PDB file of N, CA and C in Angstrom:
ATOM      1  N   MET A   1     102.143  98.900  96.931  1.00  0.00           N
ATOM      2  CA  MET A   1     102.007  97.462  96.812  1.00  0.00           C
ATOM      3  C   MET A   1     102.692  97.024  95.520  1.00  0.00           C
ATOM      4  N   GLN A   2     103.435  95.945  95.646  1.00  0.00           N
ATOM      5  CA  GLN A   2     104.141  95.399  94.493  1.00  0.00           C
ATOM      6  C   GLN A   2     103.391  94.166  93.989  1.00  0.00           C
ATOM      7  N   ILE A   3     103.250  94.046  92.680  1.00  0.00           N
ATOM      8  CA  ILE A   3     102.575  92.894  92.073  1.00  0.00           C
ATOM      9  C   ILE A   3     103.615  92.121  91.273  1.00  0.00           C
ATOM     10  N   ILE A   4     103.729  90.811  91.574  1.00  0.00           N
ATOM     11  CA  ILE A   4     104.714  89.976  90.875  1.00  0.00           C
ATOM     12  C   ILE A   4     104.066  88.676  90.423  1.00  0.00           C
ATOM     13  N   ASN A   5     104.665  88.058  89.411  1.00  0.00           N
ATOM     14  CA  ASN A   5     104.212  86.775  88.900  1.00  0.00           C
ATOM     15  C   ASN A   5     104.735  85.659  89.801  1.00  0.00           C
ATOM     16  N   ILE A   6     104.042  84.561  89.844  1.00  0.00           N
ATOM     17  CA  ILE A   6     104.410  83.433  90.700  1.00  0.00           C
ATOM     18  C   ILE A   6     105.819  82.910  90.382  1.00  0.00           C
ATOM     19  N   SER A   7     106.211  82.901  89.114  1.00  0.00           N
ATOM     20  CA  SER A   7     107.543  82.398  88.773  1.00  0.00           C
ATOM     21  C   SER A   7     108.630  83.317  89.339  1.00  0.00           C
ATOM     22  N   GLU A   8     108.391  84.624  89.301  1.00  0.00           N
ATOM     23  CA  GLU A   8     109.331  85.585  89.904  1.00  0.00           C
ATOM     24  C   GLU A   8     109.376  85.387  91.419  1.00  0.00           C
ATOM     25  N   PHE A   9     108.219  85.161  92.008  1.00  0.00           N
ATOM     26  CA  PHE A   9     108.162  84.937  93.459  1.00  0.00           C
ATOM     27  C   PHE A   9     108.935  83.682  93.851  1.00  0.00           C
ATOM     28  N   ARG A  10     108.704  82.591  93.118  1.00  0.00           N
ATOM     29  CA  ARG A  10     109.416  81.331  93.412  1.00  0.00           C
ATOM     30  C   ARG A  10     110.926  81.494  93.304  1.00  0.00           C
ATOM     31  N   ALA A  11     111.369  82.219  92.293  1.00  0.00           N
ATOM     32  CA  ALA A  11     112.802  82.378  92.062  1.00  0.00           C
ATOM     33  C   ALA A  11     113.469  83.247  93.131  1.00  0.00           C
ATOM     34  N   ASN A  12     112.687  84.135  93.750  1.00  0.00           N
ATOM     35  CA  ASN A  12     113.266  85.087  94.707  1.00  0.00           C
ATOM     36  C   ASN A  12     112.441  85.171  95.995  1.00  0.00           C
ATOM     37  N   VAL A  13     111.967  84.039  96.469  1.00  0.00           N
ATOM     38  CA  VAL A  13     111.057  84.031  97.613  1.00  0.00           C
ATOM     39  C   VAL A  13     111.648  84.734  98.840  1.00  0.00           C
ATOM     40  N   LEU A  14     112.903  84.508  99.142  1.00  0.00           N
ATOM     41  CA  LEU A  14     113.507  85.128 100.323  1.00  0.00           C
ATOM     42  C   LEU A  14     113.533  86.652 100.193  1.00  0.00           C
ATOM     43  N   LYS A  15     113.859  87.144  99.014  1.00  0.00           N
ATOM     44  CA  LYS A  15     113.892  88.587  98.764  1.00  0.00           C
ATOM     45  C   LYS A  15     112.525  89.216  99.041  1.00  0.00           C
ATOM     46  N   TYR A  16     111.459  88.570  98.546  1.00  0.00           N
ATOM     47  CA  TYR A  16     110.119  89.125  98.717  1.00  0.00           C
ATOM     48  C   TYR A  16     109.615  88.986 100.157  1.00  0.00           C
ATOM     49  N   LEU A  17     109.989  87.925 100.827  1.00  0.00           N
ATOM     50  CA  LEU A  17     109.603  87.787 102.228  1.00  0.00           C
ATOM     51  C   LEU A  17     110.310  88.828 103.096  1.00  0.00           C
ATOM     52  N   GLU A  18     111.550  89.140 102.750  1.00  0.00           N
ATOM     53  CA  GLU A  18     112.268  90.196 103.475  1.00  0.00           C
ATOM     54  C   GLU A  18     111.612  91.555 103.234  1.00  0.00           C
ATOM     55  N   LYS A  19     111.166  91.802 102.006  1.00  0.00           N
ATOM     56  CA  LYS A  19     110.461  93.047 101.713  1.00  0.00           C
ATOM     57  C   LYS A  19     109.164  93.137 102.519  1.00  0.00           C
ATOM     58  N   ALA A  20     108.440  92.025 102.589  1.00  0.00           N
ATOM     59  CA  ALA A  20     107.208  92.007 103.369  1.00  0.00           C
ATOM     60  C   ALA A  20     107.507  92.246 104.844  1.00  0.00           C
ATOM     61  N   ASN A  21     108.568  91.644 105.338  1.00  0.00           N
ATOM     62  CA  ASN A  21     108.948  91.832 106.732  1.00  0.00           C
ATOM     63  C   ASN A  21     109.307  93.291 107.012  1.00  0.00           C
ATOM     64  N   ALA A  22     109.805  93.986 105.994  1.00  0.00           N
ATOM     65  CA  ALA A  22     110.172  95.393 106.135  1.00  0.00           C
ATOM     66  C   ALA A  22     108.954  96.317 106.015  1.00  0.00           C
ATOM     67  N   GLY A  23     107.780  95.762 105.716  1.00  0.00           N
ATOM     68  CA  GLY A  23     106.568  96.573 105.691  1.00  0.00           C
ATOM     69  C   GLY A  23     105.878  96.696 104.357  1.00  0.00           C
ATOM     70  N   GLU A  24     106.396  96.068 103.321  1.00  0.00           N
ATOM     71  CA  GLU A  24     105.807  96.180 101.982  1.00  0.00           C
ATOM     72  C   GLU A  24     104.770  95.082 101.760  1.00  0.00           C
ATOM     73  N   GLN A  25     103.674  95.435 101.119  1.00  0.00           N
ATOM     74  CA  GLN A  25     102.651  94.453 100.763  1.00  0.00           C
ATOM     75  C   GLN A  25     102.942  93.968  99.351  1.00  0.00           C
ATOM     76  N   ILE A  26     102.857  92.640  99.143  1.00  0.00           N
ATOM     77  CA  ILE A  26     103.195  92.052  97.848  1.00  0.00           C
ATOM     78  C   ILE A  26     102.042  91.166  97.385  1.00  0.00           C
ATOM     79  N   SER A  27     101.624  91.357  96.139  1.00  0.00           N
ATOM     80  CA  SER A  27     100.597  90.506  95.548  1.00  0.00           C
ATOM     81  C   SER A  27     101.251  89.575  94.547  1.00  0.00           C
ATOM     82  N   VAL A  28     100.876  88.304  94.598  1.00  0.00           N
ATOM     83  CA  VAL A  28     101.432  87.290  93.696  1.00  0.00           C
ATOM     84  C   VAL A  28     100.321  86.861  92.734  1.00  0.00           C
ATOM     85  N   THR A  29     100.663  86.864  91.433  1.00  0.00           N
ATOM     86  CA  THR A  29      99.664  86.527  90.417  1.00  0.00           C
ATOM     87  C   THR A  29     100.136  85.358  89.552  1.00  0.00           C
ATOM     88  N   THR A  30      99.182  84.751  88.867  1.00  0.00           N
ATOM     89  CA  THR A  30      99.474  83.777  87.831  1.00  0.00           C
ATOM     90  C   THR A  30      98.474  84.003  86.703  1.00  0.00           C
ATOM     91  N   ASN A  31      98.986  84.113  85.499  1.00  0.00           N
ATOM     92  CA  ASN A  31      98.146  84.393  84.327  1.00  0.00           C
ATOM     93  C   ASN A  31      97.221  85.591  84.561  1.00  0.00           C
ATOM     94  N   GLY A  32      97.727  86.594  85.266  1.00  0.00           N
ATOM     95  CA  GLY A  32      96.951  87.802  85.516  1.00  0.00           C
ATOM     96  C   GLY A  32      95.937  87.704  86.632  1.00  0.00           C
ATOM     97  N   LYS A  33      95.821  86.531  87.259  1.00  0.00           N
ATOM     98  CA  LYS A  33      94.860  86.350  88.352  1.00  0.00           C
ATOM     99  C   LYS A  33      95.596  86.399  89.682  1.00  0.00           C
ATOM    100  N   LEU A  34      95.017  87.085  90.640  1.00  0.00           N
ATOM    101  CA  LEU A  34      95.610  87.199  91.967  1.00  0.00           C
ATOM    102  C   LEU A  34      95.562  85.860  92.691  1.00  0.00           C
ATOM    103  N   LEU A  35      96.721  85.396  93.148  1.00  0.00           N
ATOM    104  CA  LEU A  35      96.810  84.155  93.920  1.00  0.00           C
ATOM    105  C   LEU A  35      96.824  84.431  95.414  1.00  0.00           C
ATOM    106  N   ALA A  36      97.655  85.396  95.803  1.00  0.00           N
ATOM    107  CA  ALA A  36      97.831  85.669  97.220  1.00  0.00           C
ATOM    108  C   ALA A  36      98.362  87.078  97.415  1.00  0.00           C
ATOM    109  N   THR A  37      98.126  87.588  98.605  1.00  0.00           N
ATOM    110  CA  THR A  37      98.714  88.865  99.005  1.00  0.00           C
ATOM    111  C   THR A  37      99.500  88.609 100.275  1.00  0.00           C
ATOM    112  N   ILE A  38     100.746  89.016 100.256  1.00  0.00           N
ATOM    113  CA  ILE A  38     101.619  88.837 101.411  1.00  0.00           C
ATOM    114  C   ILE A  38     101.694  90.179 102.124  1.00  0.00           C
ATOM    115  N   ASN A  39     101.256  90.187 103.373  1.00  0.00           N
ATOM    116  CA  ASN A  39     101.230  91.403 104.170  1.00  0.00           C
ATOM    117  C   ASN A  39     102.379  91.409 105.164  1.00  0.00           C
ATOM    118  N   PRO A  40     102.775  92.587 105.603  1.00  0.00           N
ATOM    119  CA  PRO A  40     103.788  92.649 106.651  1.00  0.00           C
ATOM    120  C   PRO A  40     103.270  91.954 107.907  1.00  0.00           C
ATOM    121  N   PRO A  41     104.165  91.409 108.718  1.00  0.00           N
ATOM    122  CA  PRO A  41     103.718  90.734 109.932  1.00  0.00           C
ATOM    123  C   PRO A  41     103.098  91.732 110.911  1.00  0.00           C
ATOM    124  N   VAL A  42     102.115  91.251 111.640  1.00  0.00           N
ATOM    125  CA  VAL A  42     101.483  92.075 112.661  1.00  0.00           C
ATOM    126  C   VAL A  42     102.432  92.142 113.854  1.00  0.00           C
ATOM    127  N   GLN A  43     102.684  93.343 114.301  1.00  0.00           N
ATOM    128  CA  GLN A  43     103.523  93.507 115.484  1.00  0.00           C
ATOM    129  C   GLN A  43     102.647  93.173 116.689  1.00  0.00           C
ATOM    130  N   GLN A  44     102.751  91.942 117.175  1.00  0.00           N
ATOM    131  CA  GLN A  44     101.835  91.427 118.176  1.00  0.00           C
ATOM    132  C   GLN A  44     101.822  92.251 119.456  1.00  0.00           C
ATOM    133  N   ARG A  45     102.978  92.690 119.901  1.00  0.00           N
ATOM    134  CA  ARG A  45     103.040  93.459 121.142  1.00  0.00           C
ATOM    135  C   ARG A  45     102.268  94.782 120.993  1.00  0.00           C
ATOM    136  N   GLU A  46     102.512  95.507 119.899  1.00  0.00           N
ATOM    137  CA  GLU A  46     101.827  96.769 119.673  1.00  0.00           C
ATOM    138  C   GLU A  46     100.331  96.555 119.451  1.00  0.00           C
ATOM    139  N   HIS A  47      99.994  95.489 118.738  1.00  0.00           N
ATOM    140  CA  HIS A  47      98.588  95.161 118.497  1.00  0.00           C
ATOM    141  C   HIS A  47      97.875  94.867 119.816  1.00  0.00           C
ATOM    142  N   ALA A  48      98.516  94.119 120.701  1.00  0.00           N
ATOM    143  CA  ALA A  48      97.922  93.800 122.002  1.00  0.00           C
ATOM    144  C   ALA A  48      97.756  95.055 122.850  1.00  0.00           C
ATOM    145  N   LYS A  49      98.748  95.943 122.827  1.00  0.00           N
ATOM    146  CA  LYS A  49      98.642  97.194 123.580  1.00  0.00           C
ATOM    147  C   LYS A  49      97.473  98.037 123.077  1.00  0.00           C
ATOM    148  N   LYS A  50      97.319  98.100 121.749  1.00  0.00           N
ATOM    149  CA  LYS A  50      96.223  98.864 121.163  1.00  0.00           C
ATOM    150  C   LYS A  50      94.876  98.284 121.602  1.00  0.00           C
ATOM    151  N   GLN A  51      94.749  96.966 121.575  1.00  0.00           N
ATOM    152  CA  GLN A  51      93.504  96.326 121.984  1.00  0.00           C
ATOM    153  C   GLN A  51      93.212  96.598 123.457  1.00  0.00           C
ATOM    154  N   LEU A  52      94.237  96.548 124.305  1.00  0.00           N
ATOM    155  CA  LEU A  52      94.032  96.819 125.731  1.00  0.00           C
ATOM    156  C   LEU A  52      93.607  98.261 125.969  1.00  0.00           C
ATOM    157  N   LYS A  53      94.190  99.201 125.227  1.00  0.00           N
ATOM    158  CA  LYS A  53      93.791 100.607 125.367  1.00  0.00           C
ATOM    159  C   LYS A  53      92.333 100.799 124.968  1.00  0.00           C
ATOM    160  N   GLU A  54      91.918 100.140 123.874  1.00  0.00           N
ATOM    161  CA  GLU A  54      90.529 100.239 123.438  1.00  0.00           C
ATOM    162  C   GLU A  54      89.594  99.622 124.475  1.00  0.00           C
ATOM    163  N   LEU A  55      89.992  98.518 125.050  1.00  0.00           N
ATOM    164  CA  LEU A  55      89.199  97.861 126.081  1.00  0.00           C
ATOM    165  C   LEU A  55      89.117  98.727 127.327  1.00  0.00           C
ATOM    166  N   ALA A  56      90.232  99.324 127.717  1.00  0.00           N
ATOM    167  CA  ALA A  56      90.274 100.163 128.914  1.00  0.00           C
ATOM    168  C   ALA A  56      89.415 101.412 128.752  1.00  0.00           C
ATOM    169  N   ALA A  57      89.308 101.915 127.543  1.00  0.00           N
ATOM    170  CA  ALA A  57      88.531 103.128 127.307  1.00  0.00           C
ATOM    171  C   ALA A  57      87.055 102.934 127.656  1.00  0.00           C
ATOM    172  N   GLY A  58      86.539 101.744 127.469  1.00  0.00           N
ATOM    173  CA  GLY A  58      85.128 101.490 127.753  1.00  0.00           C
ATOM    174  C   GLY A  58      84.884 100.680 129.006  1.00  0.00           C
ATOM    175  N   ALA A  59      85.932 100.363 129.736  1.00  0.00           N
ATOM    176  CA  ALA A  59      85.790  99.509 130.914  1.00  0.00           C
ATOM    177  C   ALA A  59      85.290 100.303 132.117  1.00  0.00           C
ATOM    178  N   LYS A  60      84.504  99.649 132.958  1.00  0.00           N
ATOM    179  CA  LYS A  60      84.060 100.223 134.225  1.00  0.00           C
ATOM    180  C   LYS A  60      84.796  99.501 135.332  1.00  0.00           C
ATOM    181  N   ILE A  61      85.329 100.271 136.237  1.00  0.00           N
ATOM    182  CA  ILE A  61      86.091  99.676 137.333  1.00  0.00           C
ATOM    183  C   ILE A  61      85.227  99.683 138.583  1.00  0.00           C
ATOM    184  N   HIS A  62      85.002  98.497 139.115  1.00  0.00           N
ATOM    185  CA  HIS A  62      84.231  98.325 140.347  1.00  0.00           C
ATOM    186  C   HIS A  62      84.956  97.329 141.235  1.00  0.00           C
ATOM    187  N   ASP A  63      84.366  97.061 142.363  1.00  0.00           N
ATOM    188  CA  ASP A  63      84.922  96.101 143.308  1.00  0.00           C
ATOM    189  C   ASP A  63      84.757  94.694 142.741  1.00  0.00           C
ATOM    190  N   VAL A  64      85.857  94.078 142.341  1.00  0.00           N
ATOM    191  CA  VAL A  64      85.783  92.731 141.782  1.00  0.00           C
ATOM    192  C   VAL A  64      86.089  91.663 142.818  1.00  0.00           C
ATOM    193  N   VAL A  65      86.370  92.067 144.067  1.00  0.00           N
ATOM    194  CA  VAL A  65      86.651  91.082 145.112  1.00  0.00           C
ATOM    195  C   VAL A  65      85.599  91.117 146.211  1.00  0.00           C
ATOM    196  N   GLY A  66      84.497  91.818 145.975  1.00  0.00           N
ATOM    197  CA  GLY A  66      83.417  91.898 146.960  1.00  0.00           C
ATOM    198  C   GLY A  66      82.710  90.558 147.086  1.00  0.00           C
ATOM    199  N   PRO A  67      81.772  90.489 148.020  1.00  0.00           N
ATOM    200  CA  PRO A  67      81.031  89.235 148.243  1.00  0.00           C
ATOM    201  C   PRO A  67      80.299  88.783 146.971  1.00  0.00           C
ATOM    202  N   VAL A  68      80.249  87.487 146.786  1.00  0.00           N
ATOM    203  CA  VAL A  68      79.612  86.953 145.592  1.00  0.00           C
ATOM    204  C   VAL A  68      78.131  86.688 145.796  1.00  0.00           C
ATOM    205  N   ASP A  69      77.649  86.867 147.016  1.00  0.00           N
ATOM    206  CA  ASP A  69      76.237  86.590 147.249  1.00  0.00           C
ATOM    207  C   ASP A  69      75.359  87.814 146.978  1.00  0.00           C
ATOM    208  N   CYS A  70      75.946  88.958 146.581  1.00  0.00           N
ATOM    209  CA  CYS A  70      75.117  90.122 146.210  1.00  0.00           C
ATOM    210  C   CYS A  70      74.994  90.190 144.693  1.00  0.00           C
ATOM    211  N   GLU A  71      73.934  90.853 144.258  1.00  0.00           N
ATOM    212  CA  GLU A  71      73.730  91.005 142.822  1.00  0.00           C
ATOM    213  C   GLU A  71      74.635  92.108 142.284  1.00  0.00           C
ATOM    214  N   TRP A  72      75.242  91.845 141.165  1.00  0.00           N
ATOM    215  CA  TRP A  72      76.125  92.824 140.548  1.00  0.00           C
ATOM    216  C   TRP A  72      75.335  93.760 139.662  1.00  0.00           C
ATOM    217  N   ASP A  73      75.846  94.989 139.524  1.00  0.00           N
ATOM    218  CA  ASP A  73      75.201  95.965 138.640  1.00  0.00           C
ATOM    219  C   ASP A  73      75.143  95.448 137.205  1.00  0.00           C
ATOM    220  N   ALA A  74      76.144  94.729 136.797  1.00  0.00           N
ATOM    221  CA  ALA A  74      76.218  94.240 135.421  1.00  0.00           C
ATOM    222  C   ALA A  74      75.125  93.212 135.131  1.00  0.00           C
ATOM    223  N   LEU A  75      74.601  92.564 136.155  1.00  0.00           N
ATOM    224  CA  LEU A  75      73.586  91.537 135.942  1.00  0.00           C
ATOM    225  C   LEU A  75      72.183  92.119 135.891  1.00  0.00           C
ATOM    226  N   SER A  76      72.010  93.371 136.288  1.00  0.00           N
ATOM    227  CA  SER A  76      70.662  93.949 136.281  1.00  0.00           C
ATOM    228  C   SER A  76      70.392  94.744 135.039  1.00  0.00           C
TER     229      SER A  76
END
């Protein structure tokens, strides 16, 4: 993680955003106090795939097109 002062960040904002896009985490400070942390962007496609795999691991597959007038196992 790289720590930079706000004035350095303002002067080179594009450079630091490109670094963040490449995977680097950047913390921006002023007078020694943390203002913000810039994280790499979340890869939405990979994140969604991971969530679906986690969901599938615990999912139960049953007849979802059966008659609606019977009681489902999930409701009991």
